[in-house]
Amino acid sequence: MTDGDADADGAQVRRLMVRGARRVVSRCRDFTAEALADWGWLPARSEAGEERVEDVLLLVSEVVTNACLHAGGPEEFVLRHERGRLRVEVADLSPEPPRPRAPARPRCRADTV
């Protein structure tokens, strides 16, 4: 893990090596929450700020889970923060580039709501 590095554009960068790690989704969520706190996103100062943090943590869960299910598992998790914007990156073990898929058919009514 590297903490507080800056890239060439001056963005704050945090990296977490997760190859072969257990509980990788929760580790990445915890890592993200800690970074958001360091960058002043937590504690949120408004309801909109709370929703933004919840959205970020949900996104982290989704992209890391996708790497686990569809790409051989994540290798590295990266957060880049600059001027109030956040970029979330997951490097995976698959040699194949991402490709669009047709949406899955809903399994139950709740999936369509």
C-alpha atoms as a PDB file:
ATOM      1  CA  MET A   1       0.000   0.000   0.000  1.00  0.00           C
ATOM      2  CA  THR A   2       1.186   3.505  -0.691  1.00  0.00           C
ATOM      3  CA  ASP A   3      -0.316   6.451   1.079  1.00  0.00           C
ATOM      4  CA  GLY A   4      -0.561  10.030  -0.043  1.00  0.00           C
ATOM      5  CA  ASP A   5       1.549   9.824  -3.194  1.00  0.00           C
ATOM      6  CA  ALA A   6       0.928  12.467  -5.814  1.00  0.00           C
ATOM      7  CA  ASP A   7       0.880  11.796  -9.544  1.00  0.00           C
ATOM      8  CA  ALA A   8       2.238  14.053 -12.290  1.00  0.00           C
ATOM      9  CA  ASP A   9      -0.997  16.084 -12.296  1.00  0.00           C
ATOM     10  CA  GLY A  10      -0.799  16.735  -8.549  1.00  0.00           C
ATOM     11  CA  ALA A  11      -3.652  14.377  -7.662  1.00  0.00           C
ATOM     12  CA  GLN A  12      -3.488  12.529  -4.371  1.00  0.00           C
ATOM     13  CA  VAL A  13      -3.101   8.816  -5.052  1.00  0.00           C
ATOM     14  CA  ARG A  14      -3.632   5.824  -2.792  1.00  0.00           C
ATOM     15  CA  ARG A  15      -2.797   2.270  -3.892  1.00  0.00           C
ATOM     16  CA  LEU A  16      -3.688  -1.033  -2.305  1.00  0.00           C
ATOM     17  CA  MET A  17      -2.225  -4.299  -3.576  1.00  0.00           C
ATOM     18  CA  VAL A  18      -4.979  -6.902  -3.232  1.00  0.00           C
ATOM     19  CA  ARG A  19      -3.812  -9.868  -5.318  1.00  0.00           C
ATOM     20  CA  GLY A  20      -4.799 -13.031  -3.466  1.00  0.00           C
ATOM     21  CA  ALA A  21      -6.142 -11.066  -0.492  1.00  0.00           C
ATOM     22  CA  ARG A  22      -9.038 -12.377   1.556  1.00  0.00           C
ATOM     23  CA  ARG A  23     -12.149 -10.270   2.116  1.00  0.00           C
ATOM     24  CA  VAL A  24     -11.003  -8.040  -0.726  1.00  0.00           C
ATOM     25  CA  VAL A  25     -14.295  -6.156  -1.155  1.00  0.00           C
ATOM     26  CA  SER A  26     -14.467  -5.092   2.487  1.00  0.00           C
ATOM     27  CA  ARG A  27     -10.737  -4.256   2.493  1.00  0.00           C
ATOM     28  CA  CYS A  28     -11.208  -1.944  -0.494  1.00  0.00           C
ATOM     29  CA  ARG A  29     -14.301  -0.325   1.086  1.00  0.00           C
ATOM     30  CA  ASP A  30     -12.417   0.273   4.362  1.00  0.00           C
ATOM     31  CA  PHE A  31      -9.402   1.609   2.448  1.00  0.00           C
ATOM     32  CA  THR A  32     -11.695   3.988   0.550  1.00  0.00           C
ATOM     33  CA  ALA A  33     -13.493   5.191   3.695  1.00  0.00           C
ATOM     34  CA  GLU A  34     -10.144   5.955   5.327  1.00  0.00           C
ATOM     35  CA  ALA A  35      -8.966   7.894   2.266  1.00  0.00           C
ATOM     36  CA  LEU A  36     -12.253   9.825   2.080  1.00  0.00           C
ATOM     37  CA  ALA A  37     -11.875  10.775   5.741  1.00  0.00           C
ATOM     38  CA  ASP A  38      -8.305  11.972   5.128  1.00  0.00           C
ATOM     39  CA  TRP A  39      -9.478  13.999   2.134  1.00  0.00           C
ATOM     40  CA  GLY A  40     -12.284  15.686   4.098  1.00  0.00           C
ATOM     41  CA  TRP A  41     -15.252  13.822   2.592  1.00  0.00           C
ATOM     42  CA  LEU A  42     -16.002  12.227   5.985  1.00  0.00           C
ATOM     43  CA  PRO A  43     -17.676  13.061   8.179  1.00  0.00           C
ATOM     44  CA  ALA A  44     -20.074  14.373   5.574  1.00  0.00           C
ATOM     45  CA  ARG A  45     -21.384  17.865   6.280  1.00  0.00           C
ATOM     46  CA  SER A  46     -24.719  17.435   4.520  1.00  0.00           C
ATOM     47  CA  GLU A  47     -27.215  14.826   3.436  1.00  0.00           C
ATOM     48  CA  ALA A  48     -25.961  15.192  -0.147  1.00  0.00           C
ATOM     49  CA  GLY A  49     -22.410  14.593   1.095  1.00  0.00           C
ATOM     50  CA  GLU A  50     -23.522  11.463   2.942  1.00  0.00           C
ATOM     51  CA  GLU A  51     -25.232  10.189  -0.201  1.00  0.00           C
ATOM     52  CA  ARG A  52     -22.112  10.875  -2.261  1.00  0.00           C
ATOM     53  CA  VAL A  53     -19.967   8.841   0.156  1.00  0.00           C
ATOM     54  CA  GLU A  54     -22.514   5.999   0.148  1.00  0.00           C
ATOM     55  CA  ASP A  55     -22.486   6.048  -3.669  1.00  0.00           C
ATOM     56  CA  VAL A  56     -18.676   5.873  -3.733  1.00  0.00           C
ATOM     57  CA  LEU A  57     -18.608   2.925  -1.322  1.00  0.00           C
ATOM     58  CA  LEU A  58     -21.284   1.116  -3.336  1.00  0.00           C
ATOM     59  CA  LEU A  59     -19.324   1.717  -6.542  1.00  0.00           C
ATOM     60  CA  VAL A  60     -16.188   0.304  -4.887  1.00  0.00           C
ATOM     61  CA  SER A  61     -18.102  -2.816  -3.858  1.00  0.00           C
ATOM     62  CA  GLU A  62     -19.463  -3.266  -7.380  1.00  0.00           C
ATOM     63  CA  VAL A  63     -16.227  -2.836  -9.338  1.00  0.00           C
ATOM     64  CA  VAL A  64     -14.177  -4.997  -6.981  1.00  0.00           C
ATOM     65  CA  THR A  65     -16.874  -7.696  -7.000  1.00  0.00           C
ATOM     66  CA  ASN A  66     -16.938  -7.578 -10.810  1.00  0.00           C
ATOM     67  CA  ALA A  67     -13.173  -8.151 -10.892  1.00  0.00           C
ATOM     68  CA  CYS A  68     -13.637 -11.127  -8.547  1.00  0.00           C
ATOM     69  CA  LEU A  69     -16.466 -12.679 -10.572  1.00  0.00           C
ATOM     70  CA  HIS A  70     -15.453 -11.923 -14.138  1.00  0.00           C
ATOM     71  CA  ALA A  71     -11.727 -11.181 -14.352  1.00  0.00           C
ATOM     72  CA  GLY A  72      -9.780 -13.631 -12.211  1.00  0.00           C
ATOM     73  CA  GLY A  73      -9.722 -11.325  -9.210  1.00  0.00           C
ATOM     74  CA  PRO A  74      -8.376  -7.851  -8.557  1.00  0.00           C
ATOM     75  CA  GLU A  75      -4.660  -7.203  -8.409  1.00  0.00           C
ATOM     76  CA  GLU A  76      -4.448  -3.536  -7.443  1.00  0.00           C
ATOM     77  CA  PHE A  77      -6.968  -0.970  -6.187  1.00  0.00           C
ATOM     78  CA  VAL A  78      -6.223   2.715  -6.812  1.00  0.00           C
ATOM     79  CA  LEU A  79      -7.906   5.942  -5.693  1.00  0.00           C
ATOM     80  CA  ARG A  80      -7.037   9.284  -7.288  1.00  0.00           C
ATOM     81  CA  HIS A  81      -8.375  12.472  -5.717  1.00  0.00           C
ATOM     82  CA  GLU A  82      -8.014  15.885  -7.287  1.00  0.00           C
ATOM     83  CA  ARG A  83     -10.064  19.080  -6.916  1.00  0.00           C
ATOM     84  CA  GLY A  84     -13.011  17.308  -5.272  1.00  0.00           C
ATOM     85  CA  ARG A  85     -13.145  14.554  -7.899  1.00  0.00           C
ATOM     86  CA  LEU A  86     -12.457  10.900  -7.253  1.00  0.00           C
ATOM     87  CA  ARG A  87     -11.318   8.220  -9.693  1.00  0.00           C
ATOM     88  CA  VAL A  88     -11.578   4.562  -8.677  1.00  0.00           C
ATOM     89  CA  GLU A  89      -9.451   2.014 -10.544  1.00  0.00           C
ATOM     90  CA  VAL A  90      -9.269  -1.761 -10.263  1.00  0.00           C
ATOM     91  CA  ALA A  91      -6.531  -3.626 -12.105  1.00  0.00           C
ATOM     92  CA  ASP A  92      -7.484  -7.271 -12.574  1.00  0.00           C
ATOM     93  CA  LEU A  93      -5.735 -10.469 -13.604  1.00  0.00           C
ATOM     94  CA  SER A  94      -7.598 -11.043 -16.861  1.00  0.00           C
ATOM     95  CA  PRO A  95      -5.599 -10.709 -20.080  1.00  0.00           C
ATOM     96  CA  GLU A  96      -8.847  -9.878 -21.910  1.00  0.00           C
ATOM     97  CA  PRO A  97      -9.997  -6.263 -22.263  1.00  0.00           C
ATOM     98  CA  PRO A  98     -13.436  -5.421 -20.844  1.00  0.00           C
ATOM     99  CA  ARG A  99     -16.319  -5.929 -23.260  1.00  0.00           C
ATOM    100  CA  PRO A 100     -19.959  -4.923 -23.095  1.00  0.00           C
ATOM    101  CA  ARG A 101     -22.437  -7.656 -22.276  1.00  0.00           C
ATOM    102  CA  ALA A 102     -26.146  -7.928 -22.828  1.00  0.00           C
ATOM    103  CA  PRO A 103     -28.061  -7.248 -19.614  1.00  0.00           C
ATOM    104  CA  ALA A 104     -29.105 -10.340 -17.700  1.00  0.00           C
ATOM    105  CA  ARG A 105     -32.778 -11.216 -17.600  1.00  0.00           C
ATOM    106  CA  PRO A 106     -34.425 -10.295 -14.309  1.00  0.00           C
ATOM    107  CA  ARG A 107     -34.715 -13.246 -11.934  1.00  0.00           C
ATOM    108  CA  CYS A 108     -37.607 -11.796  -9.980  1.00  0.00           C
ATOM    109  CA  ARG A 109     -39.837  -8.745  -9.921  1.00  0.00           C
ATOM    110  CA  ALA A 110     -37.536  -6.925  -7.508  1.00  0.00           C
ATOM    111  CA  ASP A 111     -34.794  -6.999 -10.147  1.00  0.00           C
ATOM    112  CA  THR A 112     -36.924  -4.842 -12.435  1.00  0.00           C
ATOM    113  CA  VAL A 113     -37.860  -2.198  -9.876  1.00  0.00           C
END
